[in-house]
Amino acid sequence: MDSPDRTPLPTPPLFKTRMASGLVILIPLVITVAVIRFFFDFMSGILLPIIDPAFADWPGIARAALSLVILLVFMYFLGALATNIVGRRVLSLGESLVLRLPFVKVVYSVSKQVVAAFQGQGSKAFKSVVFVEFPHPGVRSIGFETSRVTREDGSMWSTVFVPTTPNPTTGFLQFVPQASLEQTSYTVEEGIKMVMSLGVLFPE
């Protein structure tokens, strides 16, 4: 009696290739979903305590979506207000009042400067991509040089942001002698890609 027709299993090399291809597709999707979820939870959490009493009988996801929509509409309204002459005057008046508060003015002014620095191209916020001796001697970490200062003794020092992997929005701020930095020819975009890819996307 003839044996039943069976589909042959993939050979091990083909199996590894398909698994690797699936992993390449899956990882960016997972990272993208995680980032979107983080911002969704962050923004919806701002208004949830306010709208919860009025919409307590709504499902949790519906209340979160409503709070997100309200926040986005509010952001759009602020943007439209900022582009209007009268709106700019109103915002300027409100900002002057905020800057009179002792502690709030420091937090507000610093936050505004940081946002302005990162607005537009990354090269405006970062001067160069460098290697810095961190976290201990003999080890090099990738960093972004943000500014340069001259100390009283005439020596040049740099402030360097050393990001964490794979989330480059957090990290460590180092104050390093400029002579101790190892300059690279990498662009800021290449440096960020290297950090987020765990070093897989290393520039040639």
N, C-alpha and C. Protein backbone atom coordinates (compact mmCIF):
# COMPACT_ATOMS: atom_id res chain seq x y z
N MET A 1 0.84 -1.19 0.00
CA MET A 1 0.00 0.00 0.00
C MET A 1 0.89 1.25 0.00
N ASP A 2 0.51 2.17 -0.85
CA ASP A 2 1.32 3.39 -0.95
C ASP A 2 1.20 4.21 0.33
N SER A 3 2.29 4.81 0.73
CA SER A 3 2.28 5.68 1.91
C SER A 3 1.58 6.98 1.57
N PRO A 4 0.87 7.56 2.55
CA PRO A 4 0.15 8.82 2.28
C PRO A 4 1.11 9.94 1.90
N ASP A 5 0.61 10.83 1.06
CA ASP A 5 1.42 11.96 0.60
C ASP A 5 1.60 12.96 1.74
N ARG A 6 2.82 13.27 2.07
CA ARG A 6 3.10 14.21 3.15
C ARG A 6 3.97 15.35 2.62
N THR A 7 3.66 16.55 3.10
CA THR A 7 4.46 17.71 2.72
C THR A 7 5.77 17.70 3.49
N PRO A 8 6.90 17.73 2.81
CA PRO A 8 8.18 17.68 3.53
C PRO A 8 8.38 18.92 4.39
N LEU A 9 8.97 18.70 5.56
CA LEU A 9 9.25 19.81 6.46
C LEU A 9 10.38 20.67 5.90
N PRO A 10 10.38 21.97 6.22
CA PRO A 10 11.47 22.83 5.73
C PRO A 10 12.81 22.37 6.28
N THR A 11 13.79 22.49 5.46
CA THR A 11 15.13 22.13 5.92
C THR A 11 15.59 23.12 6.97
N PRO A 12 16.49 22.75 7.85
CA PRO A 12 16.95 23.66 8.91
C PRO A 12 17.44 25.00 8.41
N PRO A 13 18.25 25.09 7.33
CA PRO A 13 18.66 26.43 6.86
C PRO A 13 17.48 27.30 6.44
N LEU A 14 16.48 26.70 5.77
CA LEU A 14 15.31 27.46 5.35
C LEU A 14 14.51 27.92 6.57
N PHE A 15 14.41 27.05 7.57
CA PHE A 15 13.69 27.39 8.79
C PHE A 15 14.35 28.57 9.49
N LYS A 16 15.68 28.55 9.59
CA LYS A 16 16.40 29.65 10.24
C LYS A 16 16.23 30.95 9.46
N THR A 17 16.24 30.85 8.13
CA THR A 17 16.09 32.05 7.31
C THR A 17 14.73 32.69 7.51
N ARG A 18 13.69 31.83 7.55
CA ARG A 18 12.34 32.36 7.73
C ARG A 18 12.15 32.94 9.13
N MET A 19 12.73 32.29 10.13
CA MET A 19 12.64 32.81 11.49
C MET A 19 13.34 34.15 11.61
N ALA A 20 14.50 34.26 10.98
CA ALA A 20 15.26 35.52 11.02
C ALA A 20 14.49 36.63 10.31
N SER A 21 13.86 36.29 9.15
CA SER A 21 13.09 37.28 8.42
C SER A 21 11.88 37.74 9.22
N GLY A 22 11.22 36.79 9.89
CA GLY A 22 10.09 37.14 10.73
C GLY A 22 10.50 38.02 11.89
N LEU A 23 11.68 37.75 12.46
CA LEU A 23 12.17 38.56 13.58
C LEU A 23 12.47 39.98 13.13
N VAL A 24 13.03 40.12 11.94
CA VAL A 24 13.35 41.45 11.40
C VAL A 24 12.08 42.27 11.22
N ILE A 25 10.98 41.63 10.84
CA ILE A 25 9.71 42.34 10.66
C ILE A 25 9.05 42.61 12.00
N LEU A 26 9.17 41.65 12.94
CA LEU A 26 8.45 41.75 14.21
C LEU A 26 9.03 42.81 15.14
N ILE A 27 10.35 42.91 15.21
CA ILE A 27 10.98 43.81 16.18
C ILE A 27 10.59 45.27 15.95
N PRO A 28 10.68 45.80 14.71
CA PRO A 28 10.23 47.20 14.51
C PRO A 28 8.77 47.40 14.86
N LEU A 29 7.91 46.40 14.57
CA LEU A 29 6.50 46.53 14.90
C LEU A 29 6.30 46.60 16.41
N VAL A 30 7.00 45.75 17.15
CA VAL A 30 6.87 45.74 18.60
C VAL A 30 7.34 47.06 19.20
N ILE A 31 8.48 47.57 18.71
CA ILE A 31 9.01 48.84 19.22
C ILE A 31 8.05 49.98 18.90
N THR A 32 7.50 50.00 17.68
CA THR A 32 6.56 51.06 17.29
C THR A 32 5.31 51.03 18.15
N VAL A 33 4.75 49.83 18.36
CA VAL A 33 3.56 49.70 19.20
C VAL A 33 3.85 50.14 20.63
N ALA A 34 5.04 49.78 21.14
CA ALA A 34 5.39 50.15 22.51
C ALA A 34 5.50 51.66 22.66
N VAL A 35 6.10 52.33 21.67
CA VAL A 35 6.23 53.78 21.73
C VAL A 35 4.87 54.45 21.64
N ILE A 36 4.02 53.99 20.71
CA ILE A 36 2.69 54.56 20.58
C ILE A 36 1.88 54.35 21.86
N ARG A 37 2.01 53.17 22.45
CA ARG A 37 1.26 52.89 23.68
C ARG A 37 1.74 53.78 24.82
N PHE A 38 3.07 54.01 24.87
CA PHE A 38 3.61 54.87 25.93
C PHE A 38 3.02 56.27 25.83
N PHE A 39 3.02 56.86 24.63
CA PHE A 39 2.49 58.21 24.46
C PHE A 39 0.97 58.24 24.67
N PHE A 40 0.30 57.16 24.25
CA PHE A 40 -1.14 57.09 24.47
C PHE A 40 -1.46 57.08 25.96
N ASP A 41 -0.77 56.23 26.72
CA ASP A 41 -1.00 56.17 28.17
C ASP A 41 -0.63 57.48 28.85
N PHE A 42 0.45 58.11 28.37
CA PHE A 42 0.90 59.36 28.99
C PHE A 42 -0.12 60.47 28.77
N MET A 43 -0.55 60.63 27.52
CA MET A 43 -1.46 61.73 27.21
C MET A 43 -2.86 61.50 27.75
N SER A 44 -3.34 60.25 27.64
CA SER A 44 -4.68 59.98 28.16
C SER A 44 -4.70 60.07 29.68
N GLY A 45 -3.60 59.76 30.34
CA GLY A 45 -3.54 59.84 31.79
C GLY A 45 -3.63 61.26 32.33
N ILE A 46 -3.37 62.24 31.49
CA ILE A 46 -3.45 63.63 31.93
C ILE A 46 -4.90 64.04 32.21
N LEU A 47 -5.82 63.59 31.35
CA LEU A 47 -7.21 64.03 31.47
C LEU A 47 -8.14 62.99 32.09
N LEU A 48 -7.67 61.75 32.24
CA LEU A 48 -8.54 60.73 32.81
C LEU A 48 -9.10 61.11 34.19
N PRO A 49 -8.27 61.63 35.11
CA PRO A 49 -8.84 62.00 36.42
C PRO A 49 -9.92 63.08 36.33
N ILE A 50 -9.89 63.88 35.27
CA ILE A 50 -10.87 64.96 35.13
C ILE A 50 -12.19 64.44 34.56
N ILE A 51 -12.11 63.58 33.52
CA ILE A 51 -13.33 63.15 32.85
C ILE A 51 -13.93 61.90 33.46
N ASP A 52 -13.19 61.19 34.32
CA ASP A 52 -13.71 59.95 34.91
C ASP A 52 -15.03 60.15 35.66
N PRO A 53 -15.16 61.21 36.50
CA PRO A 53 -16.44 61.36 37.22
C PRO A 53 -17.64 61.52 36.30
N ALA A 54 -17.47 62.19 35.16
CA ALA A 54 -18.60 62.44 34.27
C ALA A 54 -18.88 61.25 33.34
N PHE A 55 -17.87 60.40 33.11
CA PHE A 55 -18.04 59.27 32.19
C PHE A 55 -17.66 57.97 32.89
N ALA A 56 -18.08 57.83 34.13
CA ALA A 56 -17.70 56.65 34.92
C ALA A 56 -18.29 55.37 34.35
N ASP A 57 -19.43 55.45 33.64
CA ASP A 57 -20.06 54.25 33.10
C ASP A 57 -19.50 53.85 31.74
N TRP A 58 -18.60 54.63 31.19
CA TRP A 58 -17.98 54.29 29.91
C TRP A 58 -16.90 53.24 30.13
N PRO A 59 -16.62 52.41 29.13
CA PRO A 59 -15.48 51.48 29.24
C PRO A 59 -14.16 52.25 29.37
N GLY A 60 -13.19 51.60 30.00
CA GLY A 60 -11.90 52.27 30.23
C GLY A 60 -11.23 52.73 28.95
N ILE A 61 -11.27 51.89 27.89
CA ILE A 61 -10.63 52.26 26.64
C ILE A 61 -11.33 53.45 25.99
N ALA A 62 -12.65 53.54 26.17
CA ALA A 62 -13.40 54.67 25.60
C ALA A 62 -13.05 55.96 26.32
N ARG A 63 -12.91 55.90 27.66
CA ARG A 63 -12.54 57.10 28.41
C ARG A 63 -11.13 57.54 28.05
N ALA A 64 -10.23 56.57 27.88
CA ALA A 64 -8.85 56.92 27.50
C ALA A 64 -8.81 57.55 26.12
N ALA A 65 -9.59 56.99 25.17
CA ALA A 65 -9.63 57.55 23.82
C ALA A 65 -10.23 58.96 23.84
N LEU A 66 -11.26 59.17 24.65
CA LEU A 66 -11.87 60.50 24.74
C LEU A 66 -10.89 61.52 25.30
N SER A 67 -10.16 61.13 26.33
CA SER A 67 -9.18 62.05 26.91
C SER A 67 -8.08 62.38 25.92
N LEU A 68 -7.68 61.40 25.11
CA LEU A 68 -6.66 61.64 24.10
C LEU A 68 -7.15 62.60 23.03
N VAL A 69 -8.40 62.42 22.59
CA VAL A 69 -8.97 63.30 21.58
C VAL A 69 -9.07 64.73 22.12
N ILE A 70 -9.50 64.87 23.37
CA ILE A 70 -9.60 66.20 23.97
C ILE A 70 -8.23 66.86 24.04
N LEU A 71 -7.22 66.08 24.42
CA LEU A 71 -5.87 66.64 24.53
C LEU A 71 -5.33 67.05 23.17
N LEU A 72 -5.58 66.25 22.14
CA LEU A 72 -5.11 66.59 20.79
C LEU A 72 -5.81 67.84 20.27
N VAL A 73 -7.10 67.95 20.53
CA VAL A 73 -7.84 69.16 20.12
C VAL A 73 -7.30 70.38 20.85
N PHE A 74 -6.98 70.21 22.14
CA PHE A 74 -6.42 71.32 22.91
C PHE A 74 -5.06 71.74 22.36
N MET A 75 -4.23 70.73 22.00
CA MET A 75 -2.93 71.04 21.42
C MET A 75 -3.08 71.78 20.10
N TYR A 76 -4.04 71.35 19.28
CA TYR A 76 -4.28 72.03 18.01
C TYR A 76 -4.74 73.46 18.24
N PHE A 77 -5.59 73.65 19.23
CA PHE A 77 -6.08 74.99 19.55
C PHE A 77 -4.93 75.90 19.99
N LEU A 78 -4.02 75.35 20.80
CA LEU A 78 -2.86 76.15 21.22
C LEU A 78 -1.98 76.50 20.03
N GLY A 79 -1.80 75.53 19.11
CA GLY A 79 -1.00 75.81 17.92
C GLY A 79 -1.62 76.89 17.05
N ALA A 80 -2.94 76.82 16.89
CA ALA A 80 -3.63 77.85 16.11
C ALA A 80 -3.55 79.20 16.81
N LEU A 81 -3.63 79.17 18.13
CA LEU A 81 -3.55 80.42 18.89
C LEU A 81 -2.17 81.05 18.77
N ALA A 82 -1.14 80.19 18.74
CA ALA A 82 0.23 80.69 18.68
C ALA A 82 0.57 81.31 17.34
N THR A 83 -0.17 80.95 16.29
CA THR A 83 0.09 81.51 14.97
C THR A 83 -0.72 82.77 14.69
N ASN A 84 -1.57 83.14 15.65
CA ASN A 84 -2.39 84.33 15.50
C ASN A 84 -1.76 85.48 16.28
N ILE A 85 -1.85 86.69 15.75
CA ILE A 85 -1.21 87.84 16.39
C ILE A 85 -1.78 88.06 17.79
N VAL A 86 -3.11 88.07 17.89
CA VAL A 86 -3.74 88.26 19.19
C VAL A 86 -3.41 87.09 20.11
N GLY A 87 -3.41 85.87 19.53
CA GLY A 87 -3.09 84.69 20.33
C GLY A 87 -1.68 84.73 20.89
N ARG A 88 -0.74 85.21 20.07
CA ARG A 88 0.65 85.31 20.54
C ARG A 88 0.76 86.28 21.71
N ARG A 89 -0.01 87.35 21.65
CA ARG A 89 0.03 88.32 22.75
C ARG A 89 -0.55 87.72 24.03
N VAL A 90 -1.64 86.95 23.87
CA VAL A 90 -2.25 86.30 25.04
C VAL A 90 -1.29 85.28 25.65
N LEU A 91 -0.65 84.46 24.79
CA LEU A 91 0.30 83.46 25.28
C LEU A 91 1.51 84.14 25.92
N SER A 92 1.96 85.25 25.34
CA SER A 92 3.09 85.97 25.90
C SER A 92 2.76 86.52 27.28
N LEU A 93 1.54 87.02 27.44
CA LEU A 93 1.11 87.51 28.74
C LEU A 93 1.06 86.38 29.77
N GLY A 94 0.51 85.23 29.35
CA GLY A 94 0.46 84.08 30.26
C GLY A 94 1.85 83.59 30.61
N GLU A 95 2.76 83.61 29.64
CA GLU A 95 4.13 83.16 29.89
C GLU A 95 4.83 84.09 30.86
N SER A 96 4.60 85.39 30.73
CA SER A 96 5.22 86.35 31.65
C SER A 96 4.74 86.14 33.08
N LEU A 97 3.47 85.73 33.23
CA LEU A 97 2.95 85.45 34.57
C LEU A 97 3.60 84.19 35.14
N VAL A 98 3.78 83.17 34.29
CA VAL A 98 4.41 81.92 34.75
C VAL A 98 5.85 82.17 35.18
N LEU A 99 6.56 83.02 34.42
CA LEU A 99 7.97 83.27 34.71
C LEU A 99 8.18 84.10 35.98
N ARG A 100 7.11 84.58 36.58
CA ARG A 100 7.24 85.31 37.84
C ARG A 100 7.18 84.39 39.05
N LEU A 101 6.76 83.16 38.85
CA LEU A 101 6.70 82.20 39.95
C LEU A 101 8.09 81.66 40.22
N PRO A 102 8.54 81.64 41.47
CA PRO A 102 9.94 81.31 41.81
C PRO A 102 10.42 79.98 41.26
N PHE A 103 9.72 78.88 41.55
CA PHE A 103 10.21 77.56 41.14
C PHE A 103 9.71 77.17 39.76
N VAL A 104 8.49 77.56 39.44
CA VAL A 104 7.88 77.17 38.17
C VAL A 104 8.64 77.78 36.99
N LYS A 105 9.16 79.00 37.16
CA LYS A 105 9.84 79.65 36.05
C LYS A 105 11.10 78.89 35.61
N VAL A 106 11.78 78.25 36.57
CA VAL A 106 12.98 77.48 36.22
C VAL A 106 12.60 76.25 35.40
N VAL A 107 11.60 75.51 35.88
CA VAL A 107 11.17 74.31 35.18
C VAL A 107 10.63 74.66 33.80
N TYR A 108 9.83 75.72 33.71
CA TYR A 108 9.22 76.10 32.43
C TYR A 108 10.27 76.56 31.43
N SER A 109 11.17 77.43 31.87
CA SER A 109 12.18 77.97 30.94
C SER A 109 13.11 76.89 30.43
N VAL A 110 13.55 75.98 31.33
CA VAL A 110 14.44 74.90 30.91
C VAL A 110 13.72 73.97 29.95
N SER A 111 12.48 73.61 30.25
CA SER A 111 11.71 72.73 29.37
C SER A 111 11.53 73.35 27.99
N LYS A 112 11.26 74.64 27.97
CA LYS A 112 11.06 75.31 26.69
C LYS A 112 12.35 75.34 25.87
N GLN A 113 13.48 75.55 26.52
CA GLN A 113 14.75 75.56 25.82
C GLN A 113 15.10 74.19 25.27
N VAL A 114 14.81 73.13 26.04
CA VAL A 114 15.10 71.77 25.57
C VAL A 114 14.26 71.43 24.36
N VAL A 115 12.97 71.77 24.41
CA VAL A 115 12.08 71.50 23.28
C VAL A 115 12.54 72.27 22.05
N ALA A 116 12.94 73.52 22.24
CA ALA A 116 13.42 74.32 21.12
C ALA A 116 14.70 73.75 20.53
N ALA A 117 15.56 73.18 21.40
CA ALA A 117 16.82 72.61 20.91
C ALA A 117 16.59 71.39 20.05
N PHE A 118 15.58 70.57 20.42
CA PHE A 118 15.33 69.35 19.68
C PHE A 118 14.37 69.55 18.52
N GLN A 119 13.85 70.73 18.37
CA GLN A 119 12.92 70.99 17.29
C GLN A 119 13.67 71.12 15.98
N GLY A 120 13.18 70.49 14.94
CA GLY A 120 13.87 70.53 13.66
C GLY A 120 14.90 69.44 13.57
N GLN A 121 16.00 69.70 12.89
CA GLN A 121 17.01 68.69 12.66
C GLN A 121 17.80 68.43 13.93
N GLY A 122 18.20 67.15 14.10
CA GLY A 122 18.94 66.78 15.29
C GLY A 122 20.29 67.45 15.38
N SER A 123 20.86 67.86 14.24
CA SER A 123 22.17 68.48 14.26
C SER A 123 22.16 69.81 15.00
N LYS A 124 20.97 70.42 15.15
CA LYS A 124 20.89 71.67 15.89
C LYS A 124 21.01 71.42 17.39
N ALA A 125 20.60 70.24 17.83
CA ALA A 125 20.67 69.92 19.25
C ALA A 125 22.00 69.29 19.61
N PHE A 126 22.56 68.48 18.71
CA PHE A 126 23.81 67.79 18.97
C PHE A 126 24.89 68.29 18.01
N LYS A 127 26.06 68.60 18.57
CA LYS A 127 27.15 69.09 17.74
C LYS A 127 27.82 67.96 16.99
N SER A 128 28.04 66.81 17.66
CA SER A 128 28.73 65.70 17.03
C SER A 128 28.47 64.42 17.81
N VAL A 129 28.79 63.30 17.16
CA VAL A 129 28.71 61.99 17.80
C VAL A 129 30.11 61.61 18.25
N VAL A 130 30.26 61.25 19.50
CA VAL A 130 31.58 60.98 20.06
C VAL A 130 31.57 59.66 20.83
N PHE A 131 32.79 59.16 21.11
CA PHE A 131 32.96 58.06 22.04
C PHE A 131 33.55 58.64 23.32
N VAL A 132 32.94 58.28 24.45
CA VAL A 132 33.39 58.80 25.74
C VAL A 132 33.69 57.62 26.65
N GLU A 133 34.68 57.79 27.52
CA GLU A 133 35.06 56.74 28.47
C GLU A 133 34.01 56.65 29.56
N PHE A 134 33.11 55.68 29.43
CA PHE A 134 31.99 55.53 30.35
C PHE A 134 31.45 54.11 30.21
N PRO A 135 31.06 53.43 31.28
CA PRO A 135 30.91 53.91 32.67
C PRO A 135 32.16 53.76 33.53
N HIS A 136 33.24 53.14 32.98
CA HIS A 136 34.47 53.05 33.76
C HIS A 136 35.65 53.05 32.79
N PRO A 137 36.87 53.30 33.27
CA PRO A 137 38.04 53.37 32.38
C PRO A 137 38.20 52.09 31.55
N GLY A 138 38.57 52.28 30.30
CA GLY A 138 38.77 51.16 29.40
C GLY A 138 37.56 50.81 28.57
N VAL A 139 36.42 51.42 28.87
CA VAL A 139 35.17 51.14 28.14
C VAL A 139 34.73 52.42 27.44
N ARG A 140 34.27 52.27 26.20
CA ARG A 140 33.79 53.42 25.44
C ARG A 140 32.29 53.31 25.23
N SER A 141 31.59 54.43 25.40
CA SER A 141 30.16 54.51 25.13
C SER A 141 29.93 55.59 24.09
N ILE A 142 28.91 55.40 23.28
CA ILE A 142 28.57 56.41 22.28
C ILE A 142 27.84 57.55 22.97
N GLY A 143 28.17 58.77 22.61
CA GLY A 143 27.55 59.95 23.20
C GLY A 143 27.34 61.04 22.17
N PHE A 144 26.53 62.02 22.56
CA PHE A 144 26.25 63.15 21.68
C PHE A 144 26.72 64.42 22.37
N GLU A 145 27.64 65.10 21.74
CA GLU A 145 28.18 66.35 22.29
C GLU A 145 27.14 67.45 22.12
N THR A 146 26.73 68.06 23.22
CA THR A 146 25.66 69.06 23.17
C THR A 146 26.18 70.49 23.25
N SER A 147 27.27 70.72 23.96
CA SER A 147 27.81 72.08 24.06
C SER A 147 29.26 72.03 24.49
N ARG A 148 29.95 73.16 24.35
CA ARG A 148 31.36 73.27 24.73
C ARG A 148 31.55 74.53 25.56
N VAL A 149 32.35 74.41 26.59
CA VAL A 149 32.61 75.54 27.49
C VAL A 149 34.11 75.65 27.75
N THR A 150 34.53 76.85 28.08
CA THR A 150 35.93 77.10 28.43
C THR A 150 36.00 77.41 29.93
N ARG A 151 36.76 76.63 30.65
CA ARG A 151 36.88 76.82 32.09
C ARG A 151 37.85 77.97 32.40
N GLU A 152 37.91 78.33 33.67
CA GLU A 152 38.74 79.47 34.07
C GLU A 152 40.22 79.25 33.78
N ASP A 153 40.66 77.98 33.79
CA ASP A 153 42.07 77.70 33.51
C ASP A 153 42.37 77.64 32.02
N GLY A 154 41.37 77.91 31.18
CA GLY A 154 41.57 77.90 29.73
C GLY A 154 41.31 76.57 29.06
N SER A 155 41.04 75.52 29.81
CA SER A 155 40.80 74.20 29.23
C SER A 155 39.40 74.12 28.64
N MET A 156 39.28 73.36 27.55
CA MET A 156 38.00 73.19 26.87
C MET A 156 37.32 71.92 27.36
N TRP A 157 36.07 72.04 27.77
CA TRP A 157 35.29 70.92 28.24
C TRP A 157 34.01 70.83 27.42
N SER A 158 33.43 69.64 27.37
CA SER A 158 32.21 69.41 26.60
C SER A 158 31.17 68.74 27.49
N THR A 159 29.92 69.11 27.27
CA THR A 159 28.83 68.36 27.89
C THR A 159 28.39 67.30 26.89
N VAL A 160 28.33 66.07 27.35
CA VAL A 160 28.04 64.93 26.48
C VAL A 160 26.85 64.17 27.04
N PHE A 161 25.87 63.92 26.19
CA PHE A 161 24.72 63.12 26.56
C PHE A 161 24.96 61.69 26.12
N VAL A 162 24.99 60.77 27.10
CA VAL A 162 25.18 59.35 26.82
C VAL A 162 23.83 58.66 26.94
N PRO A 163 23.21 58.28 25.83
CA PRO A 163 21.85 57.71 25.88
C PRO A 163 21.86 56.25 26.32
N THR A 164 20.72 55.81 26.82
CA THR A 164 20.53 54.39 27.13
C THR A 164 20.01 53.67 25.90
N THR A 165 20.15 52.36 25.90
CA THR A 165 19.74 51.53 24.77
C THR A 165 18.60 50.61 25.19
N PRO A 166 17.54 50.46 24.41
CA PRO A 166 17.32 51.04 23.07
C PRO A 166 16.52 52.35 23.10
N ASN A 167 16.30 52.92 24.30
CA ASN A 167 15.52 54.16 24.41
C ASN A 167 16.47 55.34 24.55
N PRO A 168 16.71 56.10 23.48
CA PRO A 168 17.69 57.19 23.53
C PRO A 168 17.18 58.46 24.20
N THR A 169 15.93 58.46 24.69
CA THR A 169 15.40 59.67 25.32
C THR A 169 15.83 59.78 26.79
N THR A 170 16.43 58.73 27.34
CA THR A 170 16.97 58.78 28.70
C THR A 170 18.46 58.46 28.64
N GLY A 171 19.18 58.92 29.64
CA GLY A 171 20.61 58.66 29.64
C GLY A 171 21.33 59.42 30.73
N PHE A 172 22.60 59.71 30.49
CA PHE A 172 23.46 60.35 31.49
C PHE A 172 24.12 61.58 30.87
N LEU A 173 24.24 62.63 31.67
CA LEU A 173 24.91 63.85 31.23
C LEU A 173 26.31 63.87 31.81
N GLN A 174 27.32 63.91 30.95
CA GLN A 174 28.71 63.87 31.36
C GLN A 174 29.38 65.21 31.05
N PHE A 175 30.26 65.65 31.95
CA PHE A 175 31.07 66.85 31.75
C PHE A 175 32.50 66.37 31.55
N VAL A 176 32.98 66.42 30.28
CA VAL A 176 34.20 65.72 29.90
C VAL A 176 35.20 66.70 29.27
N PRO A 177 36.51 66.57 29.61
CA PRO A 177 37.51 67.38 28.90
C PRO A 177 37.47 67.05 27.41
N GLN A 178 37.52 68.07 26.60
CA GLN A 178 37.38 67.86 25.16
C GLN A 178 38.49 66.97 24.61
N ALA A 179 39.66 67.04 25.24
CA ALA A 179 40.77 66.20 24.78
C ALA A 179 40.51 64.73 25.03
N SER A 180 39.61 64.40 25.95
CA SER A 180 39.31 63.00 26.28
C SER A 180 38.26 62.40 25.37
N LEU A 181 37.63 63.22 24.54
CA LEU A 181 36.60 62.72 23.64
C LEU A 181 37.21 62.15 22.37
N GLU A 182 36.62 61.08 21.89
CA GLU A 182 37.04 60.49 20.62
C GLU A 182 36.00 60.85 19.58
N GLN A 183 36.33 61.82 18.73
CA GLN A 183 35.39 62.29 17.72
C GLN A 183 35.17 61.22 16.64
N THR A 184 33.96 61.16 16.11
CA THR A 184 33.64 60.25 15.01
C THR A 184 33.12 61.04 13.82
N SER A 185 33.02 60.36 12.70
CA SER A 185 32.47 60.98 11.49
C SER A 185 31.01 60.61 11.30
N TYR A 186 30.40 59.98 12.31
CA TYR A 186 29.00 59.56 12.20
C TYR A 186 28.08 60.77 12.24
N THR A 187 26.99 60.69 11.53
CA THR A 187 25.96 61.71 11.64
C THR A 187 25.11 61.42 12.88
N VAL A 188 24.34 62.42 13.29
CA VAL A 188 23.46 62.23 14.46
C VAL A 188 22.45 61.13 14.19
N GLU A 189 21.93 61.08 12.98
CA GLU A 189 20.96 60.05 12.63
C GLU A 189 21.58 58.66 12.73
N GLU A 190 22.82 58.52 12.26
CA GLU A 190 23.51 57.23 12.36
C GLU A 190 23.76 56.85 13.81
N GLY A 191 24.10 57.84 14.64
CA GLY A 191 24.32 57.56 16.05
C GLY A 191 23.07 57.09 16.75
N ILE A 192 21.94 57.74 16.46
CA ILE A 192 20.67 57.35 17.06
C ILE A 192 20.25 55.96 16.59
N LYS A 193 20.45 55.68 15.30
CA LYS A 193 20.13 54.35 14.78
C LYS A 193 20.96 53.27 15.48
N MET A 194 22.24 53.58 15.72
CA MET A 194 23.11 52.61 16.38
C MET A 194 22.63 52.32 17.80
N VAL A 195 22.17 53.37 18.50
CA VAL A 195 21.70 53.19 19.88
C VAL A 195 20.41 52.38 19.90
N MET A 196 19.46 52.73 19.02
CA MET A 196 18.15 52.08 19.04
C MET A 196 18.22 50.65 18.52
N SER A 197 19.21 50.34 17.68
CA SER A 197 19.32 48.99 17.12
C SER A 197 20.22 48.09 17.95
N LEU A 198 20.62 48.55 19.15
CA LEU A 198 21.52 47.77 20.01
C LEU A 198 22.88 47.53 19.36
N GLY A 199 23.27 48.43 18.49
CA GLY A 199 24.56 48.30 17.83
C GLY A 199 24.54 47.49 16.56
N VAL A 200 23.37 46.99 16.15
CA VAL A 200 23.29 46.18 14.94
C VAL A 200 23.53 47.05 13.71
N LEU A 201 22.91 48.24 13.69
CA LEU A 201 23.09 49.14 12.55
C LEU A 201 24.31 50.01 12.79
N PHE A 202 25.48 49.40 12.68
CA PHE A 202 26.73 50.14 12.91
C PHE A 202 27.19 50.76 11.59
N PRO A 203 27.43 52.08 11.57
CA PRO A 203 27.85 52.73 10.32
C PRO A 203 29.16 52.15 9.81
N GLU A 204 29.27 52.13 8.49
CA GLU A 204 30.50 51.62 7.88
C GLU A 204 31.64 52.60 8.10
